[in-house]
Amino acid sequence: MAENGNEVKGLVVGMVIGMALGAILGILFAPVSGQEARNRLKGFLEELPDKAKDLGEKARQVFKKKEEEQV
């Protein structure tokens, strides 16, 4: 069970990092003014903790369901 917890944690961390990098690069390279890019980036960064928490909960549910199916 502990091993599954580490797998979930690693999966969530990787997904959050990928999501954050993709969004940041998308915002920085979008053809908008500097002020608009900063506003978008600020909004994204403010929402990131909630999105990461939701993603972690979904991943835990999926792993728990898979584990129950194996039993």
N, C-alpha and C. Protein backbone atom coordinates (compact mmCIF):
# COMPACT_ATOMS: atom_id res chain seq x y z
N MET A 1 0.82 -1.19 0.00
CA MET A 1 0.00 0.00 0.00
C MET A 1 0.86 1.26 0.00
N ALA A 2 1.94 1.26 0.78
CA ALA A 2 2.81 2.42 0.84
C ALA A 2 3.44 2.70 -0.51
N GLU A 3 3.74 1.64 -1.23
CA GLU A 3 4.33 1.81 -2.56
C GLU A 3 3.35 2.53 -3.49
N ASN A 4 2.08 2.19 -3.43
CA ASN A 4 1.07 2.86 -4.24
C ASN A 4 0.98 4.34 -3.87
N GLY A 5 1.12 4.65 -2.60
CA GLY A 5 1.10 6.04 -2.16
C GLY A 5 2.23 6.84 -2.78
N ASN A 6 3.41 6.23 -2.86
CA ASN A 6 4.55 6.90 -3.49
C ASN A 6 4.33 7.08 -4.98
N GLU A 7 3.71 6.08 -5.60
CA GLU A 7 3.42 6.18 -7.03
C GLU A 7 2.43 7.31 -7.30
N VAL A 8 1.41 7.40 -6.47
CA VAL A 8 0.42 8.47 -6.64
C VAL A 8 1.08 9.82 -6.46
N LYS A 9 1.89 9.94 -5.42
CA LYS A 9 2.57 11.21 -5.15
C LYS A 9 3.46 11.61 -6.33
N GLY A 10 4.23 10.65 -6.85
CA GLY A 10 5.10 10.94 -7.98
C GLY A 10 4.32 11.31 -9.23
N LEU A 11 3.21 10.63 -9.46
CA LEU A 11 2.36 10.93 -10.61
C LEU A 11 1.79 12.33 -10.50
N VAL A 12 1.27 12.66 -9.34
CA VAL A 12 0.66 13.98 -9.14
C VAL A 12 1.70 15.08 -9.27
N VAL A 13 2.85 14.90 -8.67
CA VAL A 13 3.90 15.91 -8.76
C VAL A 13 4.31 16.12 -10.23
N GLY A 14 4.50 15.02 -10.95
CA GLY A 14 4.87 15.13 -12.37
C GLY A 14 3.80 15.82 -13.19
N MET A 15 2.55 15.50 -12.92
CA MET A 15 1.45 16.12 -13.68
C MET A 15 1.35 17.61 -13.37
N VAL A 16 1.50 17.98 -12.12
CA VAL A 16 1.42 19.39 -11.73
C VAL A 16 2.57 20.18 -12.34
N ILE A 17 3.77 19.62 -12.30
CA ILE A 17 4.92 20.31 -12.89
C ILE A 17 4.72 20.47 -14.39
N GLY A 18 4.27 19.42 -15.06
CA GLY A 18 4.03 19.51 -16.50
C GLY A 18 2.96 20.52 -16.84
N MET A 19 1.88 20.51 -16.06
CA MET A 19 0.79 21.45 -16.29
C MET A 19 1.27 22.89 -16.09
N ALA A 20 2.02 23.11 -15.03
CA ALA A 20 2.51 24.45 -14.73
C ALA A 20 3.48 24.94 -15.82
N LEU A 21 4.41 24.11 -16.22
CA LEU A 21 5.37 24.51 -17.25
C LEU A 21 4.67 24.80 -18.58
N GLY A 22 3.74 23.94 -18.95
CA GLY A 22 3.01 24.15 -20.19
C GLY A 22 2.22 25.44 -20.18
N ALA A 23 1.54 25.71 -19.08
CA ALA A 23 0.75 26.93 -18.99
C ALA A 23 1.63 28.18 -18.98
N ILE A 24 2.72 28.12 -18.23
CA ILE A 24 3.61 29.27 -18.17
C ILE A 24 4.22 29.56 -19.54
N LEU A 25 4.69 28.52 -20.22
CA LEU A 25 5.27 28.74 -21.56
C LEU A 25 4.21 29.24 -22.54
N GLY A 26 3.02 28.71 -22.45
CA GLY A 26 1.94 29.18 -23.32
C GLY A 26 1.63 30.64 -23.08
N ILE A 27 1.60 31.05 -21.84
CA ILE A 27 1.32 32.45 -21.51
C ILE A 27 2.46 33.35 -21.98
N LEU A 28 3.68 32.93 -21.74
CA LEU A 28 4.83 33.77 -22.09
C LEU A 28 5.02 33.93 -23.59
N PHE A 29 4.66 32.91 -24.36
CA PHE A 29 4.87 32.98 -25.80
C PHE A 29 3.62 33.41 -26.58
N ALA A 30 2.53 33.67 -25.89
CA ALA A 30 1.31 34.12 -26.56
C ALA A 30 1.50 35.57 -27.02
N PRO A 31 0.92 35.89 -28.16
CA PRO A 31 1.08 37.26 -28.69
C PRO A 31 0.16 38.26 -27.98
N VAL A 32 0.50 38.61 -26.74
CA VAL A 32 -0.25 39.61 -25.98
C VAL A 32 0.74 40.57 -25.35
N SER A 33 0.22 41.67 -24.83
CA SER A 33 1.10 42.65 -24.19
C SER A 33 1.72 42.07 -22.93
N GLY A 34 2.78 42.67 -22.47
CA GLY A 34 3.45 42.22 -21.26
C GLY A 34 2.54 42.27 -20.04
N GLN A 35 1.75 43.34 -19.94
CA GLN A 35 0.83 43.47 -18.81
C GLN A 35 -0.21 42.36 -18.82
N GLU A 36 -0.77 42.07 -19.99
CA GLU A 36 -1.77 41.01 -20.11
C GLU A 36 -1.15 39.65 -19.78
N ALA A 37 0.07 39.41 -20.24
CA ALA A 37 0.74 38.14 -19.94
C ALA A 37 0.97 38.00 -18.44
N ARG A 38 1.38 39.07 -17.78
CA ARG A 38 1.58 39.02 -16.33
C ARG A 38 0.27 38.77 -15.60
N ASN A 39 -0.81 39.39 -16.06
CA ASN A 39 -2.11 39.17 -15.43
C ASN A 39 -2.56 37.73 -15.58
N ARG A 40 -2.37 37.17 -16.76
CA ARG A 40 -2.74 35.77 -16.99
C ARG A 40 -1.90 34.83 -16.12
N LEU A 41 -0.61 35.11 -16.07
CA LEU A 41 0.29 34.28 -15.28
C LEU A 41 -0.07 34.35 -13.80
N LYS A 42 -0.37 35.54 -13.32
CA LYS A 42 -0.77 35.71 -11.93
C LYS A 42 -2.04 34.92 -11.63
N GLY A 43 -3.03 35.00 -12.51
CA GLY A 43 -4.27 34.25 -12.32
C GLY A 43 -4.02 32.75 -12.30
N PHE A 44 -3.19 32.28 -13.21
CA PHE A 44 -2.88 30.85 -13.26
C PHE A 44 -2.19 30.40 -11.98
N LEU A 45 -1.22 31.16 -11.52
CA LEU A 45 -0.47 30.78 -10.33
C LEU A 45 -1.35 30.82 -9.07
N GLU A 46 -2.34 31.70 -9.05
CA GLU A 46 -3.25 31.74 -7.91
C GLU A 46 -4.15 30.51 -7.89
N GLU A 47 -4.51 29.98 -9.06
CA GLU A 47 -5.39 28.81 -9.14
C GLU A 47 -4.63 27.49 -9.01
N LEU A 48 -3.33 27.50 -9.19
CA LEU A 48 -2.54 26.28 -9.23
C LEU A 48 -2.68 25.38 -7.99
N PRO A 49 -2.62 25.91 -6.78
CA PRO A 49 -2.75 25.01 -5.61
C PRO A 49 -4.07 24.24 -5.59
N ASP A 50 -5.17 24.91 -5.93
CA ASP A 50 -6.46 24.22 -5.95
C ASP A 50 -6.51 23.17 -7.05
N LYS A 51 -5.96 23.49 -8.20
CA LYS A 51 -5.94 22.51 -9.30
C LYS A 51 -5.09 21.30 -8.92
N ALA A 52 -3.97 21.55 -8.28
CA ALA A 52 -3.08 20.44 -7.87
C ALA A 52 -3.78 19.56 -6.84
N LYS A 53 -4.48 20.17 -5.92
CA LYS A 53 -5.21 19.40 -4.90
C LYS A 53 -6.29 18.54 -5.54
N ASP A 54 -7.04 19.11 -6.47
CA ASP A 54 -8.08 18.35 -7.17
C ASP A 54 -7.48 17.20 -7.96
N LEU A 55 -6.39 17.46 -8.64
CA LEU A 55 -5.73 16.43 -9.44
C LEU A 55 -5.22 15.30 -8.55
N GLY A 56 -4.67 15.65 -7.40
CA GLY A 56 -4.19 14.64 -6.46
C GLY A 56 -5.32 13.77 -5.95
N GLU A 57 -6.45 14.37 -5.66
CA GLU A 57 -7.60 13.61 -5.17
C GLU A 57 -8.12 12.66 -6.26
N LYS A 58 -8.18 13.13 -7.48
CA LYS A 58 -8.63 12.27 -8.58
C LYS A 58 -7.67 11.09 -8.78
N ALA A 59 -6.37 11.36 -8.70
CA ALA A 59 -5.39 10.29 -8.86
C ALA A 59 -5.53 9.26 -7.75
N ARG A 60 -5.73 9.71 -6.51
CA ARG A 60 -5.91 8.79 -5.39
C ARG A 60 -7.14 7.91 -5.60
N GLN A 61 -8.22 8.51 -6.10
CA GLN A 61 -9.45 7.75 -6.33
C GLN A 61 -9.23 6.69 -7.41
N VAL A 62 -8.52 7.04 -8.46
CA VAL A 62 -8.26 6.08 -9.53
C VAL A 62 -7.42 4.93 -9.01
N PHE A 63 -6.35 5.22 -8.28
CA PHE A 63 -5.50 4.16 -7.75
C PHE A 63 -6.25 3.29 -6.74
N LYS A 64 -7.08 3.91 -5.91
CA LYS A 64 -7.86 3.15 -4.94
C LYS A 64 -8.82 2.21 -5.65
N LYS A 65 -9.47 2.71 -6.70
CA LYS A 65 -10.41 1.88 -7.47
C LYS A 65 -9.67 0.71 -8.13
N LYS A 66 -8.52 0.96 -8.71
CA LYS A 66 -7.74 -0.10 -9.34
C LYS A 66 -7.29 -1.14 -8.31
N GLU A 67 -6.91 -0.67 -7.15
CA GLU A 67 -6.47 -1.58 -6.10
C GLU A 67 -7.64 -2.46 -5.64
N GLU A 68 -8.82 -1.87 -5.51
CA GLU A 68 -9.99 -2.64 -5.10
C GLU A 68 -10.39 -3.66 -6.15
N GLU A 69 -10.20 -3.34 -7.41
CA GLU A 69 -10.52 -4.28 -8.50
C GLU A 69 -9.60 -5.49 -8.49
N GLN A 70 -8.37 -5.33 -8.02
CA GLN A 70 -7.41 -6.41 -7.98
C GLN A 70 -7.69 -7.40 -6.85
N VAL A 71 -8.41 -6.95 -5.85
CA VAL A 71 -8.68 -7.81 -4.68
C VAL A 71 -9.79 -8.75 -4.94
